[in-house]
Amino acid sequence: MPYKNPADRRRRYRERRLSDPQWVARYRTYQRIYQRRYRVENLKEMRTYQKEWARVHRRKVRGENFGKRKRRKTDEEIHQTLLAKRRRFHHRHRDQINAARKQKRIDNPERFHAIDRARYWRDPEKRRHPSRIARAKRSGESCYVSLQDWQALIARFNFRCAYCGTKLTKKNRSLDHRTPLVRGGTNEISNLVPSCLRCNQRKHSMTAEEFLRHR
């Protein structure tokens, strides 16, 4: 080896670094590839060494907090930490997770169909509401009623259809726009009324006044 002396090697490296930037770029690329390959091949030994080093040098690692007891986290803090960890994991691997979910539904269509039906009949309103939000987004309206506002609106009409007075149940109730979105209506709470499915379907694109005259 021409430069056995470490000082000579460092001097040679400094000279070449200043005179040959292309060589420096190749050298640093080689170093990155080598370090990654070395880490993959020796991951277990590296982690063992790091744990032992941290144990021996714990005073240096903790600094001013050395010798002080850590405050124990509450159950809620632990829960929020785990949730944040899961969200980070899901964000990093969302493509693989979504692909695996789709494949499961393809492989077991009957099982997932039964799950979806059972979930729908446990709380139909909760399952219908996301479709309303999606429709509002497609219309370009930024404001939309929340699920709690919708439930309060039904209670304000005494669980009756705003057009025919039919008793509203989980199976037959729907949300209707006084002025339809295709006619320039909005998703403001003042433009929304509870309606039975029959009236909602018959009303179609008419306004509330036109539908009541038509009836």
Protein backbone atom coordinates (compact mmCIF):
# COMPACT_ATOMS: atom_id res chain seq x y z
CA MET A 1 0.00 0.00 0.00
CA PRO A 2 1.64 3.29 -1.07
CA TYR A 3 0.25 5.36 1.78
CA LYS A 4 0.58 3.28 4.94
CA ASN A 5 0.89 6.34 7.13
CA PRO A 6 -2.62 7.63 8.06
CA ALA A 7 -1.40 11.23 7.90
CA ASP A 8 -0.18 10.68 4.31
CA ARG A 9 -3.53 9.14 3.34
CA ARG A 10 -5.46 12.08 4.79
CA ARG A 11 -3.18 14.55 3.00
CA ARG A 12 -3.58 12.65 -0.29
CA TYR A 13 -7.36 12.63 0.11
CA ARG A 14 -7.47 16.38 0.77
CA GLU A 15 -5.39 17.12 -2.32
CA ARG A 16 -7.49 14.91 -4.58
CA ARG A 17 -10.74 16.25 -3.12
CA LEU A 18 -9.73 19.77 -4.12
CA SER A 19 -8.40 18.83 -7.55
CA ASP A 20 -10.83 16.14 -8.80
CA PRO A 21 -14.53 16.73 -7.92
CA GLN A 22 -15.69 13.87 -10.17
CA TRP A 23 -13.56 11.41 -8.23
CA VAL A 24 -15.05 12.77 -4.98
CA ALA A 25 -18.60 12.18 -6.30
CA ARG A 26 -17.74 8.59 -7.31
CA TYR A 27 -16.00 7.96 -3.99
CA ARG A 28 -18.94 9.21 -1.93
CA THR A 29 -21.41 7.15 -3.99
CA TYR A 30 -19.25 4.07 -3.40
CA GLN A 31 -19.15 4.82 0.33
CA ARG A 32 -22.95 5.12 0.55
CA ILE A 33 -23.50 1.83 -1.29
CA TYR A 34 -20.87 0.07 0.80
CA GLN A 35 -22.33 1.35 4.09
CA ARG A 36 -25.85 0.25 3.15
CA ARG A 37 -24.67 -3.21 2.12
CA TYR A 38 -22.58 -3.54 5.26
CA ARG A 39 -25.54 -2.54 7.44
CA VAL A 40 -27.80 -5.13 5.80
CA GLU A 41 -25.21 -7.89 6.20
CA ASN A 42 -24.23 -7.00 9.79
CA LEU A 43 -27.42 -5.51 11.22
CA LYS A 44 -27.61 -7.84 14.23
CA GLU A 45 -23.99 -7.24 15.27
CA MET A 46 -24.36 -3.45 14.80
CA ARG A 47 -27.45 -3.28 17.02
CA THR A 48 -25.78 -5.39 19.69
CA TYR A 49 -22.76 -3.06 19.64
CA GLN A 50 -24.98 0.06 19.78
CA LYS A 51 -26.94 -1.25 22.78
CA GLU A 52 -23.75 -2.14 24.63
CA TRP A 53 -22.22 1.26 23.82
CA ALA A 54 -25.35 3.07 25.04
CA ARG A 55 -25.29 1.03 28.28
CA VAL A 56 -21.63 1.80 28.96
CA HIS A 57 -21.92 5.48 28.02
CA ARG A 58 -25.38 6.11 29.47
CA ARG A 59 -24.10 9.19 31.33
CA LYS A 60 -22.99 10.70 28.01
CA VAL A 61 -26.26 9.71 26.28
CA ARG A 62 -28.59 11.17 28.90
CA GLY A 63 -26.48 14.24 29.60
CA GLU A 64 -28.13 16.53 32.16
CA ASN A 65 -30.92 14.01 32.78
CA PHE A 66 -28.53 11.31 33.98
CA GLY A 67 -29.56 10.02 37.40
CA LYS A 68 -33.05 11.55 37.18
CA ARG A 69 -36.11 9.33 37.01
CA LYS A 70 -38.20 9.67 33.90
CA ARG A 71 -41.81 10.76 34.30
CA ARG A 72 -44.07 7.81 33.60
CA LYS A 73 -46.51 8.37 30.77
CA THR A 74 -50.22 8.19 31.42
CA ASP A 75 -52.37 5.57 29.71
CA GLU A 76 -53.77 8.22 27.37
CA GLU A 77 -50.27 9.39 26.37
CA ILE A 78 -49.22 5.80 25.68
CA HIS A 79 -52.38 5.28 23.61
CA GLN A 80 -51.74 8.44 21.56
CA THR A 81 -48.09 7.43 21.01
CA LEU A 82 -49.16 4.03 19.66
CA LEU A 83 -51.76 5.65 17.40
CA ALA A 84 -49.14 8.03 16.00
CA LYS A 85 -46.79 5.10 15.39
CA ARG A 86 -49.51 3.20 13.53
CA ARG A 87 -50.36 6.24 11.43
CA ARG A 88 -46.70 6.68 10.44
CA PHE A 89 -46.42 2.99 9.54
CA HIS A 90 -49.63 3.12 7.49
CA HIS A 91 -48.47 6.25 5.66
CA ARG A 92 -45.16 4.63 4.73
CA HIS A 93 -46.75 1.36 3.56
CA ARG A 94 -50.19 2.56 2.40
CA ASP A 95 -49.77 1.21 -1.15
CA GLN A 96 -48.96 -2.32 0.03
CA ILE A 97 -51.72 -2.22 2.67
CA ASN A 98 -54.38 -1.07 0.19
CA ALA A 99 -53.30 -3.66 -2.36
CA ALA A 100 -53.50 -6.42 0.28
CA ARG A 101 -57.00 -5.27 1.32
CA LYS A 102 -58.22 -5.27 -2.27
CA GLN A 103 -56.80 -8.74 -2.81
CA LYS A 104 -58.57 -10.03 0.33
CA ARG A 105 -61.90 -8.70 -0.94
CA ILE A 106 -61.30 -10.36 -4.32
CA ASP A 107 -60.41 -13.68 -2.70
CA ASN A 108 -63.36 -13.66 -0.22
CA PRO A 109 -66.25 -11.71 -1.84
CA GLU A 110 -69.05 -13.48 0.05
CA ARG A 111 -67.44 -12.95 3.45
CA PHE A 112 -66.87 -9.22 2.91
CA HIS A 113 -70.34 -8.77 1.40
CA ALA A 114 -71.86 -10.26 4.57
CA ILE A 115 -69.66 -8.02 6.76
CA ASP A 116 -70.69 -4.91 4.80
CA ARG A 117 -74.40 -5.77 5.02
CA ALA A 118 -74.21 -6.42 8.76
CA ARG A 119 -72.31 -3.16 9.29
CA TYR A 120 -74.88 -1.28 7.20
CA TRP A 121 -77.90 -2.58 9.12
CA ARG A 122 -76.25 -1.94 12.48
CA ASP A 123 -76.13 1.79 11.65
CA PRO A 124 -77.50 2.67 8.17
CA GLU A 125 -77.14 6.40 8.72
CA LYS A 126 -73.44 6.13 9.46
CA ARG A 127 -72.90 4.19 6.22
CA ARG A 128 -75.00 6.58 4.08
CA HIS A 129 -73.36 9.76 5.31
CA PRO A 130 -69.95 9.25 3.56
CA SER A 131 -71.75 8.95 0.21
CA ARG A 132 -73.46 12.29 0.87
CA ILE A 133 -70.08 13.89 1.61
CA ALA A 134 -68.61 12.42 -1.59
CA ARG A 135 -71.54 13.79 -3.59
CA ALA A 136 -71.07 17.23 -2.04
CA LYS A 137 -67.37 17.19 -2.97
CA ARG A 138 -68.21 16.24 -6.56
CA SER A 139 -70.60 19.19 -6.75
CA GLY A 140 -67.81 21.57 -5.74
CA GLU A 141 -69.51 22.72 -2.53
CA SER A 142 -67.13 23.19 0.40
CA CYS A 143 -69.75 23.34 3.17
CA TYR A 144 -71.62 20.22 4.22
CA VAL A 145 -73.76 19.17 7.17
CA SER A 146 -72.15 16.86 9.73
CA LEU A 147 -73.74 13.65 10.97
CA GLN A 148 -74.64 15.35 14.28
CA ASP A 149 -76.27 18.28 12.43
CA TRP A 150 -78.26 15.84 10.30
CA GLN A 151 -79.54 13.99 13.37
CA ALA A 152 -80.53 17.30 14.99
CA LEU A 153 -82.35 18.28 11.77
CA ILE A 154 -84.42 15.07 11.84
CA ALA A 155 -85.32 15.70 15.49
CA ARG A 156 -86.37 19.28 14.65
CA PHE A 157 -88.90 17.90 12.14
CA ASN A 158 -90.12 15.44 14.81
CA PHE A 159 -88.91 12.46 12.72
CA ARG A 160 -91.44 13.25 10.00
CA CYS A 161 -91.05 13.75 6.25
CA ALA A 162 -91.00 17.45 5.38
CA TYR A 163 -93.32 16.84 2.39
CA CYS A 164 -95.84 14.12 3.29
CA GLY A 165 -95.48 13.81 7.06
CA THR A 166 -94.61 10.11 6.95
CA LYS A 167 -92.88 8.72 10.05
CA LEU A 168 -89.16 8.47 9.30
CA THR A 169 -87.30 5.30 10.21
CA LYS A 170 -83.74 4.14 9.65
CA LYS A 171 -84.85 2.38 6.46
CA ASN A 172 -86.90 5.08 4.73
CA ARG A 173 -85.34 8.42 5.71
CA SER A 174 -83.10 10.43 3.41
CA LEU A 175 -81.64 13.91 3.14
CA ASP A 176 -83.11 16.22 0.54
CA HIS A 177 -82.16 19.65 -0.81
CA ARG A 178 -84.96 22.22 -1.02
CA THR A 179 -83.22 23.63 -4.08
CA PRO A 180 -81.35 20.77 -5.82
CA LEU A 181 -77.63 21.04 -6.41
CA VAL A 182 -78.18 20.83 -10.18
CA ARG A 183 -80.43 23.90 -9.89
CA GLY A 184 -77.84 25.96 -8.02
CA GLY A 185 -78.65 24.80 -4.47
CA THR A 186 -76.08 24.62 -1.68
CA ASN A 187 -75.22 22.23 1.14
CA GLU A 188 -76.03 24.78 3.83
CA ILE A 189 -78.24 23.51 6.65
CA SER A 190 -80.95 26.00 5.64
CA ASN A 191 -81.31 24.22 2.27
CA LEU A 192 -81.65 20.72 3.76
CA VAL A 193 -84.74 18.87 4.99
CA PRO A 194 -85.43 15.26 6.02
CA SER A 195 -87.53 13.34 3.55
CA CYS A 196 -88.81 9.83 3.00
CA LEU A 197 -87.24 7.91 0.11
CA ARG A 198 -90.51 7.94 -1.88
CA CYS A 199 -90.81 11.74 -1.82
CA ASN A 200 -87.11 12.22 -2.46
CA GLN A 201 -87.22 10.04 -5.57
CA ARG A 202 -90.43 11.63 -6.89
CA LYS A 203 -89.11 15.15 -6.29
CA HIS A 204 -86.03 14.46 -8.46
CA SER A 205 -84.72 17.84 -9.71
CA MET A 206 -87.72 19.97 -8.68
CA THR A 207 -87.51 22.59 -5.97
CA ALA A 208 -89.53 22.12 -2.78
CA GLU A 209 -92.19 24.64 -3.92
CA GLU A 210 -92.55 22.97 -7.33
CA PHE A 211 -92.86 19.54 -5.78
CA LEU A 212 -95.52 20.62 -3.29
CA ARG A 213 -97.55 22.24 -6.10
CA HIS A 214 -97.11 19.07 -8.19
CA ARG A 215 -98.41 16.90 -5.34
